[in-house]
Amino acid sequence: MPGYETNSWGGVIGPARLPREIISKLHEEIKKALASPTVAERYRQLDTEPDGSGPEAFLELVRRETPKWAEVIRRSGAKVD
């Protein structure tokens, strides 16, 4: 589809209204894990780059990507069986 670039991304998503202190703690622990040499090596093996930029940046990514891909699905006519 013209004007679209595809790449994959993923992240950790919790339930709505998750307390801020839990979000902060999860982010802290995820950053530690991503800094681990073992985890970093596995990401290299998978030819991917971990981000770990934080909950606000991830929320913005999801908000930006969702409407874009919703439009692709709408225009393609794809349906869930």
N, C-alpha and C. Protein backbone atom coordinates (compact mmCIF):
# COMPACT_ATOMS: atom_id res chain seq x y z
N MET A 1 0.85 -1.16 0.00
CA MET A 1 0.00 0.00 0.00
C MET A 1 0.90 1.23 0.00
N PRO A 2 0.77 2.09 -0.95
CA PRO A 2 1.64 3.27 -1.05
C PRO A 2 1.59 4.13 0.22
N GLY A 3 2.75 4.63 0.61
CA GLY A 3 2.81 5.53 1.76
C GLY A 3 2.94 4.84 3.10
N TYR A 4 3.08 3.50 3.10
CA TYR A 4 3.19 2.78 4.36
C TYR A 4 4.49 2.01 4.41
N GLU A 5 5.11 2.07 5.54
CA GLU A 5 6.31 1.29 5.82
C GLU A 5 5.94 0.34 6.96
N THR A 6 6.32 -0.90 6.84
CA THR A 6 6.00 -1.84 7.92
C THR A 6 7.24 -2.16 8.73
N ASN A 7 7.05 -2.22 10.01
CA ASN A 7 8.05 -2.73 10.93
C ASN A 7 7.28 -3.25 12.14
N SER A 8 7.92 -4.08 12.88
CA SER A 8 7.22 -4.64 14.03
C SER A 8 7.71 -3.97 15.30
N TRP A 9 6.85 -3.94 16.28
CA TRP A 9 7.20 -3.41 17.59
C TRP A 9 6.37 -4.14 18.62
N GLY A 10 6.77 -4.07 19.81
CA GLY A 10 6.03 -4.72 20.88
C GLY A 10 6.32 -4.01 22.18
N GLY A 11 5.58 -4.34 23.17
CA GLY A 11 5.78 -3.72 24.47
C GLY A 11 4.97 -4.43 25.53
N VAL A 12 5.07 -3.95 26.72
CA VAL A 12 4.34 -4.49 27.85
C VAL A 12 3.13 -3.59 28.10
N ILE A 13 1.96 -4.20 28.14
CA ILE A 13 0.73 -3.46 28.36
C ILE A 13 0.03 -4.04 29.57
N GLY A 14 -0.36 -3.17 30.49
CA GLY A 14 -1.05 -3.61 31.70
C GLY A 14 -2.52 -3.21 31.65
N PRO A 15 -3.24 -3.54 32.70
CA PRO A 15 -4.66 -3.19 32.74
C PRO A 15 -4.87 -1.68 32.85
N ALA A 16 -6.04 -1.25 32.45
CA ALA A 16 -6.39 0.18 32.56
C ALA A 16 -6.28 0.63 34.01
N ARG A 17 -5.90 1.86 34.18
CA ARG A 17 -5.79 2.51 35.50
C ARG A 17 -4.78 1.84 36.43
N LEU A 18 -3.76 1.24 35.84
CA LEU A 18 -2.68 0.66 36.64
C LEU A 18 -2.01 1.80 37.41
N PRO A 19 -1.81 1.64 38.72
CA PRO A 19 -1.22 2.74 39.50
C PRO A 19 0.16 3.16 38.97
N ARG A 20 0.40 4.45 39.01
CA ARG A 20 1.63 5.03 38.48
C ARG A 20 2.88 4.40 39.11
N GLU A 21 2.82 4.11 40.40
CA GLU A 21 4.01 3.53 41.05
C GLU A 21 4.33 2.13 40.50
N ILE A 22 3.32 1.40 40.11
CA ILE A 22 3.55 0.07 39.51
C ILE A 22 4.13 0.23 38.11
N ILE A 23 3.60 1.18 37.36
CA ILE A 23 4.13 1.45 36.02
C ILE A 23 5.61 1.83 36.11
N SER A 24 5.94 2.70 37.05
CA SER A 24 7.33 3.13 37.22
C SER A 24 8.23 1.97 37.60
N LYS A 25 7.77 1.13 38.49
CA LYS A 25 8.57 -0.03 38.92
C LYS A 25 8.77 -1.01 37.76
N LEU A 26 7.72 -1.27 37.00
CA LEU A 26 7.84 -2.15 35.85
C LEU A 26 8.85 -1.59 34.85
N HIS A 27 8.76 -0.30 34.59
CA HIS A 27 9.69 0.32 33.64
C HIS A 27 11.12 0.21 34.13
N GLU A 28 11.33 0.45 35.40
CA GLU A 28 12.67 0.33 35.99
C GLU A 28 13.22 -1.09 35.81
N GLU A 29 12.40 -2.08 36.11
CA GLU A 29 12.85 -3.48 35.99
C GLU A 29 13.05 -3.90 34.54
N ILE A 30 12.22 -3.42 33.64
CA ILE A 30 12.37 -3.73 32.22
C ILE A 30 13.67 -3.12 31.69
N LYS A 31 13.97 -1.89 32.09
CA LYS A 31 15.22 -1.26 31.68
C LYS A 31 16.42 -2.06 32.18
N LYS A 32 16.36 -2.55 33.40
CA LYS A 32 17.44 -3.38 33.94
C LYS A 32 17.60 -4.65 33.09
N ALA A 33 16.48 -5.28 32.78
CA ALA A 33 16.54 -6.52 31.98
C ALA A 33 17.13 -6.24 30.60
N LEU A 34 16.71 -5.15 29.97
CA LEU A 34 17.22 -4.82 28.64
C LEU A 34 18.72 -4.51 28.65
N ALA A 35 19.23 -4.06 29.79
CA ALA A 35 20.65 -3.75 29.93
C ALA A 35 21.50 -5.01 30.19
N SER A 36 20.86 -6.11 30.49
CA SER A 36 21.57 -7.36 30.76
C SER A 36 22.29 -7.82 29.50
N PRO A 37 23.56 -8.22 29.63
CA PRO A 37 24.28 -8.72 28.45
C PRO A 37 23.59 -9.91 27.78
N THR A 38 22.99 -10.78 28.56
CA THR A 38 22.31 -11.95 27.99
C THR A 38 21.10 -11.52 27.15
N VAL A 39 20.32 -10.61 27.69
CA VAL A 39 19.15 -10.12 26.96
C VAL A 39 19.59 -9.33 25.72
N ALA A 40 20.59 -8.48 25.88
CA ALA A 40 21.09 -7.69 24.74
C ALA A 40 21.59 -8.60 23.62
N GLU A 41 22.29 -9.67 23.99
CA GLU A 41 22.78 -10.61 22.99
C GLU A 41 21.63 -11.30 22.27
N ARG A 42 20.60 -11.66 23.00
CA ARG A 42 19.45 -12.32 22.37
C ARG A 42 18.76 -11.39 21.38
N TYR A 43 18.63 -10.13 21.75
CA TYR A 43 18.06 -9.16 20.81
C TYR A 43 18.92 -9.04 19.56
N ARG A 44 20.25 -9.04 19.72
CA ARG A 44 21.15 -9.00 18.56
C ARG A 44 20.94 -10.23 17.68
N GLN A 45 20.80 -11.40 18.31
CA GLN A 45 20.57 -12.63 17.54
C GLN A 45 19.27 -12.56 16.75
N LEU A 46 18.30 -11.89 17.28
CA LEU A 46 17.01 -11.74 16.61
C LEU A 46 16.99 -10.57 15.62
N ASP A 47 18.14 -9.89 15.51
CA ASP A 47 18.28 -8.74 14.62
C ASP A 47 17.24 -7.67 14.91
N THR A 48 17.12 -7.36 16.19
CA THR A 48 16.18 -6.33 16.61
C THR A 48 16.83 -5.44 17.65
N GLU A 49 16.23 -4.31 17.89
CA GLU A 49 16.79 -3.34 18.82
C GLU A 49 15.78 -3.05 19.92
N PRO A 50 16.14 -3.33 21.17
CA PRO A 50 15.23 -2.95 22.26
C PRO A 50 15.22 -1.44 22.43
N ASP A 51 14.11 -0.91 22.86
CA ASP A 51 13.97 0.53 23.02
C ASP A 51 14.04 0.92 24.49
N GLY A 52 13.05 0.53 25.26
CA GLY A 52 13.04 0.83 26.67
C GLY A 52 12.89 2.29 27.01
N SER A 53 12.33 3.07 26.08
CA SER A 53 12.26 4.52 26.29
C SER A 53 11.24 4.94 27.34
N GLY A 54 10.30 4.10 27.65
CA GLY A 54 9.39 4.44 28.74
C GLY A 54 7.92 4.38 28.38
N PRO A 55 7.09 4.41 29.40
CA PRO A 55 5.65 4.26 29.20
C PRO A 55 5.02 5.36 28.35
N GLU A 56 5.44 6.59 28.53
CA GLU A 56 4.83 7.69 27.77
C GLU A 56 5.15 7.57 26.28
N ALA A 57 6.41 7.23 25.98
CA ALA A 57 6.80 7.07 24.58
C ALA A 57 6.07 5.89 23.94
N PHE A 58 5.91 4.81 24.69
CA PHE A 58 5.21 3.65 24.16
C PHE A 58 3.73 3.97 23.92
N LEU A 59 3.11 4.68 24.85
CA LEU A 59 1.72 5.08 24.67
C LEU A 59 1.57 5.94 23.42
N GLU A 60 2.49 6.84 23.20
CA GLU A 60 2.44 7.69 22.01
C GLU A 60 2.59 6.85 20.74
N LEU A 61 3.49 5.85 20.76
CA LEU A 61 3.65 4.96 19.62
C LEU A 61 2.34 4.23 19.32
N VAL A 62 1.72 3.68 20.34
CA VAL A 62 0.46 2.96 20.16
C VAL A 62 -0.61 3.90 19.61
N ARG A 63 -0.69 5.09 20.16
CA ARG A 63 -1.69 6.06 19.68
C ARG A 63 -1.44 6.49 18.24
N ARG A 64 -0.20 6.56 17.85
CA ARG A 64 0.15 6.95 16.48
C ARG A 64 -0.08 5.80 15.50
N GLU A 65 0.27 4.59 15.89
CA GLU A 65 0.19 3.43 14.99
C GLU A 65 -1.22 2.87 14.83
N THR A 66 -2.03 2.91 15.87
CA THR A 66 -3.36 2.29 15.82
C THR A 66 -4.24 2.85 14.71
N PRO A 67 -4.40 4.16 14.60
CA PRO A 67 -5.25 4.66 13.51
C PRO A 67 -4.69 4.36 12.12
N LYS A 68 -3.37 4.39 12.00
CA LYS A 68 -2.74 4.10 10.70
C LYS A 68 -3.08 2.69 10.25
N TRP A 69 -2.92 1.71 11.14
CA TRP A 69 -3.17 0.34 10.75
C TRP A 69 -4.65 0.01 10.70
N ALA A 70 -5.45 0.72 11.46
CA ALA A 70 -6.90 0.56 11.34
C ALA A 70 -7.35 0.95 9.93
N GLU A 71 -6.74 2.00 9.40
CA GLU A 71 -7.08 2.44 8.04
C GLU A 71 -6.63 1.41 7.01
N VAL A 72 -5.47 0.83 7.18
CA VAL A 72 -5.00 -0.22 6.27
C VAL A 72 -5.98 -1.39 6.28
N ILE A 73 -6.40 -1.81 7.46
CA ILE A 73 -7.35 -2.92 7.57
C ILE A 73 -8.67 -2.56 6.92
N ARG A 74 -9.16 -1.34 7.20
CA ARG A 74 -10.43 -0.90 6.60
C ARG A 74 -10.34 -0.91 5.08
N ARG A 75 -9.27 -0.34 4.53
CA ARG A 75 -9.12 -0.25 3.08
C ARG A 75 -8.90 -1.62 2.44
N SER A 76 -8.30 -2.53 3.17
CA SER A 76 -8.02 -3.85 2.59
C SER A 76 -9.27 -4.73 2.55
N GLY A 77 -10.23 -4.40 3.41
CA GLY A 77 -11.43 -5.23 3.51
C GLY A 77 -11.24 -6.48 4.34
N ALA A 78 -10.11 -6.59 5.05
CA ALA A 78 -9.84 -7.78 5.87
C ALA A 78 -10.92 -7.93 6.93
N LYS A 79 -11.28 -9.16 7.19
CA LYS A 79 -12.30 -9.48 8.20
C LYS A 79 -11.81 -10.59 9.10
N VAL A 80 -12.27 -10.58 10.34
CA VAL A 80 -11.96 -11.65 11.27
C VAL A 80 -13.00 -12.74 11.10
N ASP A 81 -12.57 -13.98 10.97
CA ASP A 81 -13.52 -15.10 10.84
C ASP A 81 -14.05 -15.50 12.18
